């Protein structure tokens, strides 16, 4: 199955997170009010490059999205690990400072 290609905009990190949460919850039929989401910074060769968003559902189910900051692009994966959407941001927030996001070893709820 080919992932859907979507064009969207988000002016702030909070707006971006809300959009990603709604997209992930819609795909796996989760209640956004009951679904916690956490974000973690990603690095490539020691340099900050993006943010991983993980939505946790019941029975250890989880779906995720990766915001690739430099490319203004989000890749969305369902609970089976299949990419279901690729979102191109025509307007996106400034990437957060790496200190504002935990690295994978520092788990924290967002």
N, C-alpha and C. Protein backbone atom coordinates (compact mmCIF):
# COMPACT_ATOMS: atom_id res chain seq x y z
N UNK A 1 0.83 -1.19 0.00
CA UNK A 1 0.00 0.00 0.00
C UNK A 1 0.88 1.25 0.00
N UNK A 2 0.60 2.17 -0.87
CA UNK A 2 1.35 3.42 -0.93
C UNK A 2 0.85 4.38 0.14
N UNK A 3 1.77 5.07 0.83
CA UNK A 3 1.34 6.03 1.84
C UNK A 3 0.64 7.22 1.20
N UNK A 4 -0.33 7.77 1.93
CA UNK A 4 -1.01 8.99 1.46
C UNK A 4 -0.02 10.14 1.51
N UNK A 5 -0.12 11.04 0.56
CA UNK A 5 0.71 12.24 0.55
C UNK A 5 -0.21 13.41 0.90
N UNK A 6 0.19 14.12 1.94
CA UNK A 6 -0.64 15.20 2.48
C UNK A 6 0.21 16.46 2.58
N UNK A 7 -0.41 17.60 2.38
CA UNK A 7 0.25 18.89 2.58
C UNK A 7 -0.47 19.57 3.74
N UNK A 8 0.30 20.08 4.69
CA UNK A 8 -0.30 20.70 5.87
C UNK A 8 0.59 21.84 6.36
N UNK A 9 0.10 22.54 7.39
CA UNK A 9 0.86 23.63 8.00
C UNK A 9 0.68 23.58 9.51
N UNK A 10 1.71 24.00 10.22
CA UNK A 10 1.65 24.13 11.68
C UNK A 10 2.57 25.28 12.07
N UNK A 11 2.06 26.19 12.85
CA UNK A 11 2.85 27.37 13.21
C UNK A 11 3.66 27.19 14.49
N UNK A 12 3.23 26.28 15.36
CA UNK A 12 3.93 26.08 16.62
C UNK A 12 4.14 24.59 16.86
N UNK A 13 5.04 24.27 17.78
CA UNK A 13 5.28 22.88 18.11
C UNK A 13 4.03 22.24 18.71
N UNK A 14 3.28 22.98 19.49
CA UNK A 14 2.05 22.46 20.09
C UNK A 14 1.01 22.15 19.01
N UNK A 15 0.89 23.04 18.02
CA UNK A 15 -0.03 22.83 16.91
C UNK A 15 0.39 21.61 16.09
N UNK A 16 1.68 21.48 15.87
CA UNK A 16 2.21 20.34 15.13
C UNK A 16 1.92 19.04 15.88
N UNK A 17 2.17 19.03 17.18
CA UNK A 17 1.92 17.83 17.98
C UNK A 17 0.43 17.46 17.96
N UNK A 18 -0.45 18.44 18.07
CA UNK A 18 -1.89 18.18 18.03
C UNK A 18 -2.30 17.58 16.68
N UNK A 19 -1.73 18.10 15.60
CA UNK A 19 -2.04 17.58 14.26
C UNK A 19 -1.55 16.14 14.12
N UNK A 20 -0.33 15.88 14.58
CA UNK A 20 0.22 14.53 14.50
C UNK A 20 -0.60 13.58 15.35
N UNK A 21 -0.97 13.99 16.55
CA UNK A 21 -1.77 13.13 17.43
C UNK A 21 -3.11 12.80 16.77
N UNK A 22 -3.77 13.78 16.19
CA UNK A 22 -5.05 13.54 15.52
C UNK A 22 -4.87 12.58 14.35
N UNK A 23 -3.80 12.74 13.59
CA UNK A 23 -3.53 11.87 12.43
C UNK A 23 -3.29 10.43 12.88
N UNK A 24 -2.44 10.25 13.89
CA UNK A 24 -2.13 8.91 14.38
C UNK A 24 -3.37 8.25 14.99
N UNK A 25 -4.11 8.99 15.79
CA UNK A 25 -5.31 8.43 16.43
C UNK A 25 -6.37 8.06 15.41
N UNK A 26 -6.52 8.86 14.39
CA UNK A 26 -7.50 8.58 13.34
C UNK A 26 -7.17 7.28 12.62
N UNK A 27 -5.90 7.07 12.32
CA UNK A 27 -5.48 5.88 11.59
C UNK A 27 -5.76 4.60 12.37
N UNK A 28 -5.45 4.60 13.66
CA UNK A 28 -5.61 3.39 14.47
C UNK A 28 -6.87 3.42 15.33
N UNK A 29 -7.77 4.34 15.03
CA UNK A 29 -9.06 4.44 15.72
C UNK A 29 -8.90 4.56 17.23
N UNK A 30 -8.06 5.47 17.65
CA UNK A 30 -7.84 5.73 19.06
C UNK A 30 -8.55 7.02 19.46
N UNK A 31 -8.94 7.11 20.71
CA UNK A 31 -9.57 8.31 21.24
C UNK A 31 -8.47 9.31 21.60
N UNK A 32 -8.40 10.45 20.93
CA UNK A 32 -7.33 11.42 21.22
C UNK A 32 -7.33 11.89 22.68
N UNK A 33 -8.51 11.92 23.31
CA UNK A 33 -8.60 12.35 24.71
C UNK A 33 -7.97 11.34 25.66
N UNK A 34 -7.92 10.08 25.25
CA UNK A 34 -7.41 9.01 26.10
C UNK A 34 -6.02 8.52 25.69
N UNK A 35 -5.46 9.09 24.64
CA UNK A 35 -4.20 8.60 24.10
C UNK A 35 -3.05 9.53 24.45
N UNK A 36 -2.14 9.06 25.30
CA UNK A 36 -0.97 9.89 25.59
C UNK A 36 0.01 9.88 24.42
N UNK A 37 0.71 10.99 24.24
CA UNK A 37 1.72 11.07 23.21
C UNK A 37 2.99 11.62 23.85
N UNK A 38 4.10 11.11 23.42
CA UNK A 38 5.37 11.61 23.94
C UNK A 38 6.27 11.93 22.76
N UNK A 39 7.21 12.82 22.99
CA UNK A 39 8.13 13.18 21.92
C UNK A 39 9.56 13.05 22.40
N UNK A 40 10.40 12.66 21.49
CA UNK A 40 11.80 12.40 21.78
C UNK A 40 12.64 12.95 20.63
N UNK A 41 13.75 13.55 20.96
CA UNK A 41 14.61 14.10 19.91
C UNK A 41 15.35 12.99 19.19
N UNK A 42 15.66 13.22 17.93
CA UNK A 42 16.42 12.29 17.12
C UNK A 42 17.71 12.98 16.68
N UNK A 43 18.76 12.20 16.59
CA UNK A 43 20.02 12.77 16.12
C UNK A 43 20.64 11.85 15.09
N UNK A 44 21.38 12.45 14.20
CA UNK A 44 22.12 11.72 13.17
C UNK A 44 23.55 12.20 13.26
N UNK A 45 24.46 11.26 13.48
CA UNK A 45 25.87 11.57 13.64
C UNK A 45 26.10 12.63 14.72
N UNK A 46 25.33 12.51 15.81
CA UNK A 46 25.49 13.41 16.95
C UNK A 46 24.83 14.76 16.80
N UNK A 47 24.17 15.02 15.67
CA UNK A 47 23.54 16.31 15.42
C UNK A 47 22.01 16.15 15.41
N UNK A 48 21.31 17.04 16.09
CA UNK A 48 19.85 17.01 16.14
C UNK A 48 19.28 17.08 14.72
N UNK A 49 18.32 16.20 14.41
CA UNK A 49 17.76 16.20 13.05
C UNK A 49 16.24 16.08 13.02
N UNK A 50 15.60 15.73 14.14
CA UNK A 50 14.17 15.58 14.09
C UNK A 50 13.56 15.21 15.43
N UNK A 51 12.25 14.94 15.37
CA UNK A 51 11.50 14.60 16.57
C UNK A 51 10.66 13.36 16.29
N UNK A 52 10.70 12.41 17.21
CA UNK A 52 9.88 11.21 17.14
C UNK A 52 8.70 11.40 18.07
N UNK A 53 7.49 11.26 17.54
CA UNK A 53 6.26 11.33 18.32
C UNK A 53 5.71 9.92 18.43
N UNK A 54 5.39 9.49 19.65
CA UNK A 54 4.85 8.15 19.87
C UNK A 54 3.53 8.28 20.61
N UNK A 55 2.46 7.74 20.01
CA UNK A 55 1.13 7.69 20.65
C UNK A 55 0.93 6.30 21.20
N UNK A 56 0.59 6.21 22.48
CA UNK A 56 0.42 4.93 23.15
C UNK A 56 -1.06 4.60 23.29
N UNK A 57 -1.44 3.44 22.76
CA UNK A 57 -2.81 2.98 22.85
C UNK A 57 -2.94 1.84 23.84
N UNK A 58 -4.10 1.20 23.88
CA UNK A 58 -4.31 0.09 24.80
C UNK A 58 -3.50 -1.14 24.40
N UNK A 59 -3.28 -2.01 25.36
CA UNK A 59 -2.58 -3.28 25.14
C UNK A 59 -1.22 -3.09 24.47
N UNK A 60 -0.48 -2.12 24.95
CA UNK A 60 0.88 -1.82 24.46
C UNK A 60 0.95 -1.44 22.98
N UNK A 61 -0.17 -1.09 22.42
CA UNK A 61 -0.19 -0.65 21.03
C UNK A 61 0.44 0.74 20.96
N UNK A 62 1.20 0.97 19.91
CA UNK A 62 1.75 2.30 19.71
C UNK A 62 1.91 2.57 18.22
N UNK A 63 1.70 3.83 17.88
CA UNK A 63 1.93 4.29 16.51
C UNK A 63 2.83 5.51 16.63
N UNK A 64 3.50 5.85 15.54
CA UNK A 64 4.48 6.91 15.65
C UNK A 64 4.61 7.74 14.39
N UNK A 65 5.21 8.89 14.58
CA UNK A 65 5.48 9.80 13.46
C UNK A 65 6.86 10.40 13.67
N UNK A 66 7.55 10.63 12.58
CA UNK A 66 8.87 11.24 12.63
C UNK A 66 8.81 12.57 11.87
N UNK A 67 9.14 13.65 12.57
CA UNK A 67 9.23 14.97 11.94
C UNK A 67 10.69 15.18 11.58
N UNK A 68 10.98 15.22 10.29
CA UNK A 68 12.33 15.47 9.79
C UNK A 68 12.42 16.98 9.57
N UNK A 69 13.00 17.65 10.53
CA UNK A 69 12.97 19.12 10.58
C UNK A 69 13.51 19.79 9.32
N UNK A 70 14.69 19.39 8.87
CA UNK A 70 15.32 20.05 7.72
C UNK A 70 14.52 19.89 6.44
N UNK A 71 13.79 18.78 6.32
CA UNK A 71 13.01 18.51 5.10
C UNK A 71 11.57 18.99 5.22
N UNK A 72 11.17 19.49 6.39
CA UNK A 72 9.79 19.93 6.64
C UNK A 72 8.81 18.83 6.25
N UNK A 73 9.11 17.61 6.74
CA UNK A 73 8.35 16.44 6.34
C UNK A 73 8.07 15.58 7.57
N UNK A 74 6.90 14.92 7.58
CA UNK A 74 6.52 14.02 8.67
C UNK A 74 6.18 12.67 8.05
N UNK A 75 6.75 11.60 8.60
CA UNK A 75 6.44 10.25 8.18
C UNK A 75 5.62 9.60 9.28
N UNK A 76 4.45 9.06 8.94
CA UNK A 76 3.55 8.47 9.93
C UNK A 76 3.48 6.96 9.75
N UNK A 77 3.56 6.24 10.88
CA UNK A 77 3.55 4.78 10.89
C UNK A 77 2.43 4.29 11.79
N UNK A 78 1.69 3.28 11.33
CA UNK A 78 0.60 2.73 12.14
C UNK A 78 1.15 1.75 13.17
N UNK A 79 0.26 1.12 13.92
CA UNK A 79 0.68 0.23 15.00
C UNK A 79 1.35 -1.05 14.49
N UNK A 80 1.18 -1.37 13.22
CA UNK A 80 1.86 -2.53 12.63
C UNK A 80 3.23 -2.16 12.06
N UNK A 81 3.58 -0.88 12.12
CA UNK A 81 4.87 -0.42 11.61
C UNK A 81 4.86 -0.04 10.15
N UNK A 82 3.69 0.00 9.53
CA UNK A 82 3.57 0.37 8.12
C UNK A 82 3.41 1.88 7.97
N UNK A 83 4.14 2.45 7.03
CA UNK A 83 3.97 3.88 6.77
C UNK A 83 2.64 4.10 6.07
N UNK A 84 1.81 4.97 6.66
CA UNK A 84 0.50 5.22 6.06
C UNK A 84 0.35 6.63 5.53
N UNK A 85 1.26 7.52 5.89
CA UNK A 85 1.16 8.89 5.39
C UNK A 85 2.52 9.56 5.39
N UNK A 86 2.68 10.45 4.41
CA UNK A 86 3.84 11.33 4.34
C UNK A 86 3.29 12.74 4.22
N UNK A 87 3.61 13.57 5.20
CA UNK A 87 3.05 14.91 5.27
C UNK A 87 4.15 15.92 4.96
N UNK A 88 3.92 16.74 3.95
CA UNK A 88 4.84 17.82 3.60
C UNK A 88 4.33 19.09 4.25
N UNK A 89 5.15 19.73 5.06
CA UNK A 89 4.75 20.96 5.74
C UNK A 89 5.16 22.16 4.91
N UNK A 90 4.18 22.97 4.49
CA UNK A 90 4.53 24.19 3.77
C UNK A 90 4.78 25.32 4.74
N UNK A 91 4.35 25.14 5.98
CA UNK A 91 4.67 26.08 7.06
C UNK A 91 4.91 25.22 8.30
N UNK A 92 6.08 25.39 8.92
CA UNK A 92 6.38 24.58 10.08
C UNK A 92 7.05 25.43 11.16
N UNK A 93 6.94 24.98 12.40
CA UNK A 93 7.57 25.75 13.48
C UNK A 93 9.08 25.64 13.42
N UNK A 94 9.72 26.52 14.15
CA UNK A 94 11.17 26.42 14.30
C UNK A 94 11.46 25.12 15.03
N UNK A 95 12.48 24.40 14.62
CA UNK A 95 12.81 23.18 15.37
C UNK A 95 13.14 23.52 16.82
N UNK A 96 12.68 22.69 17.74
CA UNK A 96 12.96 22.97 19.15
C UNK A 96 14.44 22.80 19.46
N UNK A 97 14.90 23.47 20.48
CA UNK A 97 16.27 23.27 20.93
C UNK A 97 16.36 21.85 21.48
N UNK A 98 17.42 21.13 21.16
CA UNK A 98 17.55 19.76 21.66
C UNK A 98 17.39 19.65 23.18
N UNK A 99 17.75 20.68 23.91
CA UNK A 99 17.61 20.64 25.36
C UNK A 99 16.14 20.64 25.78
N UNK A 100 15.23 21.09 24.90
CA UNK A 100 13.81 21.12 25.21
C UNK A 100 13.14 19.77 25.04
N UNK A 101 13.83 18.84 24.42
CA UNK A 101 13.29 17.51 24.18
C UNK A 101 14.22 16.47 24.79
N UNK A 102 13.65 15.41 25.35
CA UNK A 102 14.52 14.37 25.88
C UNK A 102 15.10 13.53 24.76
N UNK A 103 16.30 13.05 24.95
CA UNK A 103 16.87 12.07 24.02
C UNK A 103 16.29 10.72 24.40
N UNK A 104 16.39 9.72 23.54
CA UNK A 104 15.75 8.43 23.80
C UNK A 104 16.06 7.84 25.18
N UNK A 105 17.22 8.10 25.72
CA UNK A 105 17.54 7.53 27.03
C UNK A 105 16.85 8.27 28.17
N UNK A 106 16.28 9.45 27.88
CA UNK A 106 15.60 10.24 28.89
C UNK A 106 14.11 10.25 28.60
N UNK A 107 13.40 9.22 28.98
CA UNK A 107 11.98 9.13 28.68
C UNK A 107 11.18 10.10 29.54
N UNK A 108 10.28 10.82 28.87
CA UNK A 108 9.46 11.80 29.56
C UNK A 108 8.15 11.94 28.80
N UNK A 109 7.05 12.03 29.49
CA UNK A 109 5.76 12.26 28.84
C UNK A 109 5.66 13.70 28.45
N UNK A 110 5.08 13.94 27.27
CA UNK A 110 4.92 15.30 26.78
C UNK A 110 3.56 15.83 27.15
